Amino acid sequence: MKLIARVATALAAVAALALLGCPPTEENGDELPDIEELFPADNEVGSWVEDTSTGAAGVEVARSNTETWEMVDGDADSFEDGLVAFAREYYTDGSMQLQLRVWEMKDADTCSSIYSSLVSDDPLYSANTWEDVSLGEAGRVADTGTHWWFNSRSKIFQVEAWIDSNDDPGKSAAQSFLEAVLEKI
C-alpha cells in the first residue's frame, strides 16, 4: 500500500512539473506563446532595441501577485483575480523610449472582463480619457499629457505600452510596435 501511495505521489509530482513547462493554451486547445515570446528582440520591430539604461537586461517576469506588485509599485489590484504572469521590457529607438507590459490571465473571459472594467473601476485607468483604436480584439489609447498610453487585449493577454511622446509620430510608433507584438498571439 505504501509503495502504491509513493508511486501515485511521484506521478502527481511529475505531472505537475510537466504542466509548468507547457505553454498556455486556449480553451479550444490551440497553443499560445509563452509570455516572454511576445517581447520583440532588438531591431525586430523597426529600430527598437532593449533599453537597459531604464530596466534590467532581458524581459522581467513575475509569476505571482506578490512579484507583480513589487514590479509595478502596487498598481496591480485590478489584475489579481486571474493573473498567471506579468512581464515588462523597456525599449528605445534612439529618440523615444517605450515600456511594454504584458499581463497573462487565466482565460480569455477573465482577460476580457478585466479589460472592460479597468476604465471604470481602476483609479489609474479612469483618470484618463480613452479613445478606441484597432489593436488586437480590443484596444484603446490615452494621451496623458506627457506620453501615449495604449491598452489592448487579445485572447488571454492584455498588452500595454507607454511611449515618452505625446505627438502624432510617437502615437504611430507605439501603435505599430503593439501591432507587431499582438501578431504573435
Protein backbone atom coordinates (compact mmCIF):
# COMPACT_ATOMS: atom_id res chain seq x y z
CA MET A 1 0.00 0.00 0.00
CA LYS A 2 2.80 2.41 0.91
CA LEU A 3 4.53 1.69 -2.39
CA ILE A 4 1.36 2.48 -4.36
CA ALA A 5 0.92 5.73 -2.43
CA ARG A 6 4.55 6.71 -3.12
CA VAL A 7 4.21 5.92 -6.82
CA ALA A 8 0.97 7.92 -7.04
CA THR A 9 2.59 10.87 -5.28
CA ALA A 10 5.60 10.71 -7.58
CA LEU A 11 3.41 10.55 -10.68
CA ALA A 12 1.38 13.54 -9.48
CA ALA A 13 4.60 15.50 -8.91
CA VAL A 14 5.91 14.61 -12.39
CA ALA A 15 2.59 15.65 -13.97
CA ALA A 16 2.63 18.97 -12.09
CA LEU A 17 6.21 19.67 -13.19
CA ALA A 18 5.34 18.80 -16.79
CA LEU A 19 2.46 21.28 -16.74
CA LEU A 20 4.75 24.06 -15.50
CA GLY A 21 6.80 23.79 -18.69
CA CYS A 22 3.80 23.75 -21.02
CA PRO A 23 2.89 26.85 -22.98
CA PRO A 24 -0.55 28.33 -22.32
CA THR A 25 -3.44 27.07 -24.43
CA GLU A 26 -6.83 28.41 -25.41
CA GLU A 27 -10.00 26.61 -24.41
CA ASN A 28 -10.07 25.01 -27.88
CA GLY A 29 -6.58 23.58 -27.29
CA ASP A 30 -4.67 25.95 -29.58
CA GLU A 31 -1.23 26.67 -28.20
CA LEU A 32 -0.41 30.27 -27.27
CA PRO A 33 3.07 31.77 -27.00
CA ASP A 34 4.89 31.93 -23.69
CA ILE A 35 4.70 35.45 -22.28
CA GLU A 36 8.43 36.03 -22.91
CA GLU A 37 7.98 35.24 -26.62
CA LEU A 38 5.76 38.30 -27.08
CA PHE A 39 8.64 40.71 -26.47
CA PRO A 40 10.45 41.74 -29.66
CA ALA A 41 14.18 41.19 -29.96
CA ASP A 42 16.46 44.10 -30.84
CA ASN A 43 15.57 45.55 -34.27
CA GLU A 44 12.73 43.04 -34.76
CA VAL A 45 10.30 45.97 -34.90
CA GLY A 46 11.92 48.86 -36.75
CA SER A 47 14.95 50.21 -34.92
CA TRP A 48 13.60 49.47 -31.42
CA VAL A 49 16.17 47.86 -29.10
CA GLU A 50 16.17 46.93 -25.43
CA ASP A 51 16.84 49.95 -23.21
CA THR A 52 18.99 48.65 -20.34
CA SER A 53 19.52 52.21 -19.08
CA THR A 54 15.92 52.12 -17.84
CA GLY A 55 15.26 48.48 -16.90
CA ALA A 56 17.07 45.26 -16.17
CA ALA A 57 18.58 43.32 -19.05
CA GLY A 58 16.13 40.85 -20.54
CA VAL A 59 12.39 40.53 -20.08
CA GLU A 60 11.41 40.88 -16.43
CA VAL A 61 8.77 38.28 -15.50
CA ALA A 62 6.62 37.89 -12.39
CA ARG A 63 4.62 34.71 -11.85
CA SER A 64 2.73 35.67 -8.69
CA ASN A 65 0.65 38.60 -7.48
CA THR A 66 3.34 39.50 -4.94
CA GLU A 67 6.11 39.60 -7.56
CA THR A 68 3.87 41.64 -9.87
CA TRP A 69 3.05 44.11 -7.14
CA GLU A 70 6.76 44.64 -6.50
CA MET A 71 7.46 45.24 -10.20
CA VAL A 72 4.63 47.76 -10.72
CA ASP A 73 4.79 49.51 -7.34
CA GLY A 74 1.41 48.18 -6.22
CA ASP A 75 -0.57 49.05 -9.37
CA ALA A 76 -1.81 45.50 -9.92
CA ASP A 77 -5.07 45.42 -7.93
CA SER A 78 -7.33 45.10 -10.94
CA PHE A 79 -5.37 42.15 -12.33
CA GLU A 80 -5.13 39.98 -9.19
CA ASP A 81 -8.14 37.77 -9.91
CA GLY A 82 -6.92 35.64 -12.75
CA LEU A 83 -3.30 36.73 -13.11
CA VAL A 84 -0.97 33.98 -14.34
CA ALA A 85 2.08 36.10 -15.19
CA PHE A 86 3.21 39.66 -15.79
CA ALA A 87 6.19 40.75 -17.88
CA ARG A 88 7.76 44.02 -18.97
CA GLU A 89 10.59 45.36 -21.04
CA TYR A 90 11.91 48.81 -21.92
CA TYR A 91 12.86 49.80 -25.47
CA THR A 92 14.39 52.78 -27.26
CA ASP A 93 14.71 53.73 -30.90
CA GLY A 94 17.37 56.35 -30.14
CA SER A 95 14.93 59.24 -29.85
CA MET A 96 11.97 57.79 -27.91
CA GLN A 97 11.54 55.32 -25.07
CA LEU A 98 8.76 52.74 -24.83
CA GLN A 99 7.73 50.48 -21.97
CA LEU A 100 5.93 47.26 -22.94
CA ARG A 101 3.83 45.41 -20.34
CA VAL A 102 2.02 42.12 -20.82
CA TRP A 103 -0.48 40.66 -18.37
CA GLU A 104 -1.27 36.97 -18.91
CA MET A 105 -4.65 35.99 -17.48
CA LYS A 106 -6.03 32.51 -16.68
CA ASP A 107 -8.52 32.58 -19.57
CA ALA A 108 -9.95 34.82 -22.29
CA ASP A 109 -13.18 35.56 -20.39
CA THR A 110 -11.26 36.84 -17.35
CA CYS A 111 -8.99 38.89 -19.61
CA SER A 112 -12.00 40.45 -21.37
CA SER A 113 -13.82 41.15 -18.12
CA ILE A 114 -10.84 42.86 -16.51
CA TYR A 115 -10.11 44.85 -19.66
CA SER A 116 -13.72 46.08 -19.74
CA SER A 117 -13.73 47.12 -16.09
CA LEU A 118 -10.39 48.97 -16.00
CA VAL A 119 -11.58 52.39 -17.20
CA SER A 120 -14.49 52.48 -14.76
CA ASP A 121 -13.11 50.62 -11.72
CA ASP A 122 -9.36 51.28 -11.59
CA PRO A 123 -8.30 54.79 -10.48
CA LEU A 124 -5.12 54.69 -12.58
CA TYR A 125 -7.05 53.96 -15.78
CA SER A 126 -10.17 56.01 -15.01
CA ALA A 127 -8.05 59.14 -14.51
CA ASN A 128 -7.52 59.22 -18.29
CA THR A 129 -9.76 59.78 -21.29
CA TRP A 130 -9.55 56.78 -23.60
CA GLU A 131 -10.23 56.55 -27.30
CA ASP A 132 -10.83 53.21 -29.04
CA VAL A 133 -8.19 52.08 -31.56
CA SER A 134 -7.86 49.00 -33.72
CA LEU A 135 -5.49 46.74 -31.76
CA GLY A 136 -5.99 43.04 -31.07
CA GLU A 137 -9.51 42.08 -30.03
CA ALA A 138 -9.94 45.46 -28.31
CA GLY A 139 -7.71 48.47 -27.98
CA ARG A 140 -7.67 51.99 -26.61
CA VAL A 141 -5.25 54.86 -26.19
CA ALA A 142 -4.97 57.82 -23.83
CA ASP A 143 -2.92 61.00 -24.09
CA THR A 144 -1.74 61.51 -20.51
CA GLY A 145 -0.26 64.91 -21.32
CA THR A 146 3.31 63.61 -21.29
CA HIS A 147 3.03 60.31 -23.17
CA TRP A 148 0.72 58.00 -25.09
CA TRP A 149 -0.62 55.02 -23.15
CA PHE A 150 -2.01 52.09 -25.13
CA ASN A 151 -4.05 49.27 -23.57
CA SER A 152 -5.21 46.29 -25.63
CA ARG A 153 -6.25 42.68 -25.25
CA SER A 154 -6.03 39.54 -27.33
CA LYS A 155 -7.04 36.07 -26.12
CA ILE A 156 -5.55 35.69 -22.61
CA PHE A 157 -3.16 38.64 -22.84
CA GLN A 158 -3.52 42.32 -22.03
CA VAL A 159 -0.77 44.26 -23.74
CA GLU A 160 0.16 47.83 -22.81
CA ALA A 161 2.70 50.35 -23.99
CA TRP A 162 3.76 53.77 -22.81
CA ILE A 163 5.82 55.92 -25.13
CA ASP A 164 7.53 59.07 -23.85
CA SER A 165 6.00 61.19 -26.56
CA ASN A 166 2.56 62.72 -26.91
CA ASP A 167 2.86 63.81 -30.53
CA ASP A 168 1.43 62.02 -33.57
CA PRO A 169 4.70 60.34 -34.67
CA GLY A 170 5.06 58.89 -31.15
CA LYS A 171 1.49 57.64 -31.19
CA SER A 172 2.01 55.97 -34.59
CA ALA A 173 5.30 54.42 -33.49
CA ALA A 174 3.79 52.92 -30.34
CA GLN A 175 0.74 51.60 -32.19
CA SER A 176 2.93 49.96 -34.85
CA PHE A 177 5.08 48.42 -32.11
CA LEU A 178 1.99 46.98 -30.40
CA GLU A 179 0.59 45.66 -33.66
CA ALA A 180 3.80 43.65 -34.14
CA VAL A 181 3.53 42.26 -30.60
CA LEU A 182 -0.15 41.34 -31.00
CA GLU A 183 0.57 39.49 -34.25
CA LYS A 184 2.49 36.93 -32.18
CA ILE A 185 -0.61 35.94 -30.21
